[in-house]
């Protein structure tokens, strides 16, 4: 079977080989995620992303039908990446369940610090500007948050089973509270360009559950 991808001819010059196509598409997606975590969707122009990776403007439409389609792909990719990162910590049985959540929070702060607190959460950024975004993004963003919420809920259930938190805790609601508060802390950390808001929220979340 041929490895060459046959696509309809559109504007610009398409990559010739399957490998070229995948590599260019992945490069565009990486640049797009970086831009959206820093600036959001509305403030990010396609020309800016294409220029940053040296891809001709006409070639963009060989990979994505529109900026909306590009944005939907970036949400999906970021959700997949972040779910893997969550699992790296929340499924780490060498730590207690509550320590797993704390380890995730500490790693996230290190990640933001690495970029000078200029990059936040892609999902949180888009949620902040939802009024100006394609309506199709709404359900996609909500589903991503619900997936992350379910992962925290399972970790809290494990903490309850081990007696780390009291048995009357409603893990589903506390998991929802975690993401509501965490996204706010990320926004504040990005605004202030420092990690104190993340530490305040993480500390208060842990203390509230252990009291």
Protein backbone atom coordinates (compact mmCIF):
# COMPACT_ATOMS: atom_id res chain seq x y z
CA UNK A 1 0.00 0.00 0.00
CA UNK A 2 1.32 3.45 -0.88
CA UNK A 3 2.33 5.73 2.00
CA UNK A 4 1.44 8.84 0.01
CA UNK A 5 -1.60 10.77 1.18
CA UNK A 6 -3.77 11.95 -1.69
CA UNK A 7 -5.64 15.15 -0.84
CA UNK A 8 -7.75 17.48 -2.96
CA UNK A 9 -5.72 20.21 -4.61
CA UNK A 10 -6.23 23.59 -2.97
CA UNK A 11 -4.33 26.84 -2.76
CA UNK A 12 -0.56 26.70 -2.26
CA UNK A 13 1.85 23.83 -2.68
CA UNK A 14 1.12 20.74 -0.56
CA UNK A 15 3.86 18.58 0.97
CA UNK A 16 4.76 15.71 -1.36
CA UNK A 17 5.19 12.85 1.10
CA UNK A 18 3.15 11.44 3.94
CA UNK A 19 6.02 12.10 6.35
CA UNK A 20 6.30 15.72 5.20
CA UNK A 21 2.56 16.18 5.62
CA UNK A 22 2.52 14.79 9.18
CA UNK A 23 5.62 16.70 10.22
CA UNK A 24 4.33 20.03 8.93
CA UNK A 25 0.89 19.46 10.45
CA UNK A 26 2.42 18.57 13.82
CA UNK A 27 4.67 21.63 13.66
CA UNK A 28 1.65 23.85 13.03
CA UNK A 29 -0.22 22.26 15.93
CA UNK A 30 2.68 22.71 18.35
CA UNK A 31 2.98 26.37 17.36
CA UNK A 32 -0.78 26.78 17.66
CA UNK A 33 -0.92 25.30 21.16
CA UNK A 34 1.95 27.55 22.28
CA UNK A 35 0.17 30.61 20.90
CA UNK A 36 -3.22 29.76 22.40
CA UNK A 37 -1.80 29.02 25.86
CA UNK A 38 -0.18 32.45 25.82
CA UNK A 39 -2.53 34.72 23.88
CA UNK A 40 -5.81 32.90 23.39
CA UNK A 41 -7.73 32.28 20.17
CA UNK A 42 -9.03 35.70 19.20
CA UNK A 43 -5.67 37.43 19.58
CA UNK A 44 -3.78 34.77 17.63
CA UNK A 45 -3.60 35.22 13.89
CA UNK A 46 -3.00 32.35 11.50
CA UNK A 47 -0.36 34.45 9.70
CA UNK A 48 1.55 34.80 12.96
CA UNK A 49 1.62 31.03 13.53
CA UNK A 50 2.57 30.26 9.94
CA UNK A 51 5.39 32.79 10.01
CA UNK A 52 6.77 31.37 13.27
CA UNK A 53 7.23 27.94 11.69
CA UNK A 54 8.00 28.99 8.11
CA UNK A 55 4.89 27.51 6.48
CA UNK A 56 3.40 29.40 3.47
CA UNK A 57 -0.06 30.79 4.11
CA UNK A 58 -1.60 28.98 1.17
CA UNK A 59 -0.44 25.63 2.56
CA UNK A 60 -2.49 26.07 5.74
CA UNK A 61 -5.67 25.01 3.95
CA UNK A 62 -4.15 21.69 2.95
CA UNK A 63 -4.10 20.84 6.65
CA UNK A 64 -7.18 22.59 8.07
CA UNK A 65 -10.38 23.75 6.43
CA UNK A 66 -10.54 26.89 8.58
CA UNK A 67 -9.25 28.59 11.71
CA UNK A 68 -12.21 27.05 13.55
CA UNK A 69 -11.18 23.55 12.45
CA UNK A 70 -7.62 24.33 13.51
CA UNK A 71 -8.82 25.50 16.93
CA UNK A 72 -10.90 22.35 17.43
CA UNK A 73 -7.86 20.22 16.62
CA UNK A 74 -5.71 22.15 19.10
CA UNK A 75 -8.29 21.68 21.87
CA UNK A 76 -8.35 17.93 21.20
CA UNK A 77 -4.56 17.67 21.16
CA UNK A 78 -4.16 19.70 24.32
CA UNK A 79 -6.84 17.65 26.08
CA UNK A 80 -5.04 14.42 25.15
CA UNK A 81 -1.67 15.79 26.28
CA UNK A 82 -3.04 17.09 29.57
CA UNK A 83 -4.92 13.86 30.33
CA UNK A 84 -1.63 11.98 30.01
CA UNK A 85 0.03 14.47 32.34
CA UNK A 86 -2.75 14.09 34.90
CA UNK A 87 -2.49 10.31 34.76
CA UNK A 88 1.26 10.54 35.28
CA UNK A 89 0.56 11.97 38.74
CA UNK A 90 -2.92 10.79 39.70
CA UNK A 91 -2.16 7.12 38.96
CA UNK A 92 1.24 7.14 40.69
CA UNK A 93 0.78 4.49 43.37
CA UNK A 94 4.12 5.36 44.98
CA UNK A 95 2.34 8.43 46.40
CA UNK A 96 -0.79 8.72 48.51
CA UNK A 97 -3.80 10.03 46.57
CA UNK A 98 -3.66 13.51 48.12
CA UNK A 99 0.08 13.69 47.54
CA UNK A 100 -0.57 12.86 43.88
CA UNK A 101 -2.76 15.93 43.54
CA UNK A 102 -0.12 18.02 45.29
CA UNK A 103 2.59 16.66 42.96
CA UNK A 104 0.49 17.64 39.94
CA UNK A 105 0.05 21.17 41.29
CA UNK A 106 3.78 21.54 41.92
CA UNK A 107 4.66 20.28 38.45
CA UNK A 108 2.13 22.64 36.86
CA UNK A 109 3.70 25.58 38.69
CA UNK A 110 7.15 24.52 37.43
CA UNK A 111 5.73 24.34 33.90
CA UNK A 112 4.32 27.86 34.08
CA UNK A 113 7.55 29.17 35.62
CA UNK A 114 9.56 27.68 32.76
CA UNK A 115 7.74 30.02 30.39
CA UNK A 116 7.86 33.03 32.69
CA UNK A 117 4.18 32.57 33.62
CA UNK A 118 3.25 33.80 30.15
CA UNK A 119 1.50 30.58 29.19
CA UNK A 120 -1.59 29.37 30.98
CA UNK A 121 -4.12 26.63 30.28
CA UNK A 122 -5.40 26.48 26.71
CA UNK A 123 -8.84 25.34 27.88
CA UNK A 124 -9.01 28.03 30.54
CA UNK A 125 -7.90 30.71 28.09
CA UNK A 126 -10.55 29.75 25.57
CA UNK A 127 -13.21 29.51 28.25
CA UNK A 128 -12.45 33.12 29.21
CA UNK A 129 -13.13 34.33 25.66
CA UNK A 130 -15.99 31.97 24.80
CA UNK A 131 -18.30 34.86 23.89
CA UNK A 132 -16.07 35.65 20.90
CA UNK A 133 -15.37 32.05 19.84
CA UNK A 134 -17.18 29.64 17.52
CA UNK A 135 -20.09 28.12 19.41
CA UNK A 136 -18.85 24.65 18.44
CA UNK A 137 -15.99 25.08 20.95
CA UNK A 138 -18.34 25.29 23.95
CA UNK A 139 -19.30 21.62 24.24
CA UNK A 140 -15.77 20.54 23.37
CA UNK A 141 -14.28 22.64 26.19
CA UNK A 142 -16.91 21.52 28.69
CA UNK A 143 -16.25 17.87 27.88
CA UNK A 144 -12.51 18.34 28.38
CA UNK A 145 -13.09 19.87 31.80
CA UNK A 146 -15.49 17.06 32.73
CA UNK A 147 -12.87 14.50 31.77
CA UNK A 148 -10.23 16.18 33.94
CA UNK A 149 -12.79 16.48 36.71
CA UNK A 150 -13.53 12.75 36.58
CA UNK A 151 -9.80 11.99 37.00
CA UNK A 152 -9.56 14.15 40.12
CA UNK A 153 -12.78 12.60 41.43
CA UNK A 154 -11.33 9.09 41.15
CA UNK A 155 -8.22 10.23 43.01
CA UNK A 156 -10.34 11.75 45.77
CA UNK A 157 -12.35 8.55 46.04
CA UNK A 158 -9.06 6.70 46.53
CA UNK A 159 -8.10 9.22 49.21
CA UNK A 160 -11.43 8.65 50.94
CA UNK A 161 -10.96 4.89 50.84
CA UNK A 162 -7.56 5.29 52.52
CA UNK A 163 -8.91 7.61 55.20
CA UNK A 164 -6.96 10.65 53.97
CA UNK A 165 -10.14 12.70 53.78
CA UNK A 166 -13.41 12.38 55.67
CA UNK A 167 -16.05 9.94 54.44
CA UNK A 168 -18.76 12.60 54.09
CA UNK A 169 -16.86 14.37 51.31
CA UNK A 170 -18.77 14.54 48.00
CA UNK A 171 -15.86 13.72 45.70
CA UNK A 172 -17.68 14.73 42.51
CA UNK A 173 -18.41 18.23 43.83
CA UNK A 174 -14.94 18.65 45.27
CA UNK A 175 -13.43 17.59 41.94
CA UNK A 176 -15.56 20.24 40.21
CA UNK A 177 -14.43 22.76 42.82
CA UNK A 178 -10.79 21.85 42.19
CA UNK A 179 -10.96 22.75 38.50
CA UNK A 180 -13.03 25.88 39.07
CA UNK A 181 -10.47 27.09 41.58
CA UNK A 182 -7.39 25.83 39.76
CA UNK A 183 -8.27 27.55 36.49
CA UNK A 184 -8.78 30.77 38.42
CA UNK A 185 -5.41 30.33 40.11
CA UNK A 186 -3.74 29.77 36.74
CA UNK A 187 -5.32 32.96 35.41
CA UNK A 188 -4.11 34.91 38.46
CA UNK A 189 -0.59 33.43 38.22
CA UNK A 190 -0.43 34.44 34.57
CA UNK A 191 -1.64 37.94 35.44
CA UNK A 192 0.86 38.39 38.27
CA UNK A 193 3.68 36.47 36.55
CA UNK A 194 4.39 34.44 39.68
CA UNK A 195 3.32 31.14 41.26
CA UNK A 196 1.89 32.28 44.57
CA UNK A 197 -1.78 32.02 43.44
CA UNK A 198 -1.21 28.37 42.50
CA UNK A 199 0.33 27.60 45.88
CA UNK A 200 -2.43 29.41 47.75
CA UNK A 201 -5.15 27.43 46.01
CA UNK A 202 -3.33 24.09 46.29
CA UNK A 203 -2.64 24.61 49.99
CA UNK A 204 -6.20 25.67 50.77
CA UNK A 205 -7.67 22.78 48.77
CA UNK A 206 -5.57 20.26 50.68
CA UNK A 207 -6.22 21.89 54.06
CA UNK A 208 -9.98 22.07 53.49
CA UNK A 209 -10.21 18.38 52.65
CA UNK A 210 -8.00 17.22 55.52
CA UNK A 211 -9.71 19.29 58.23
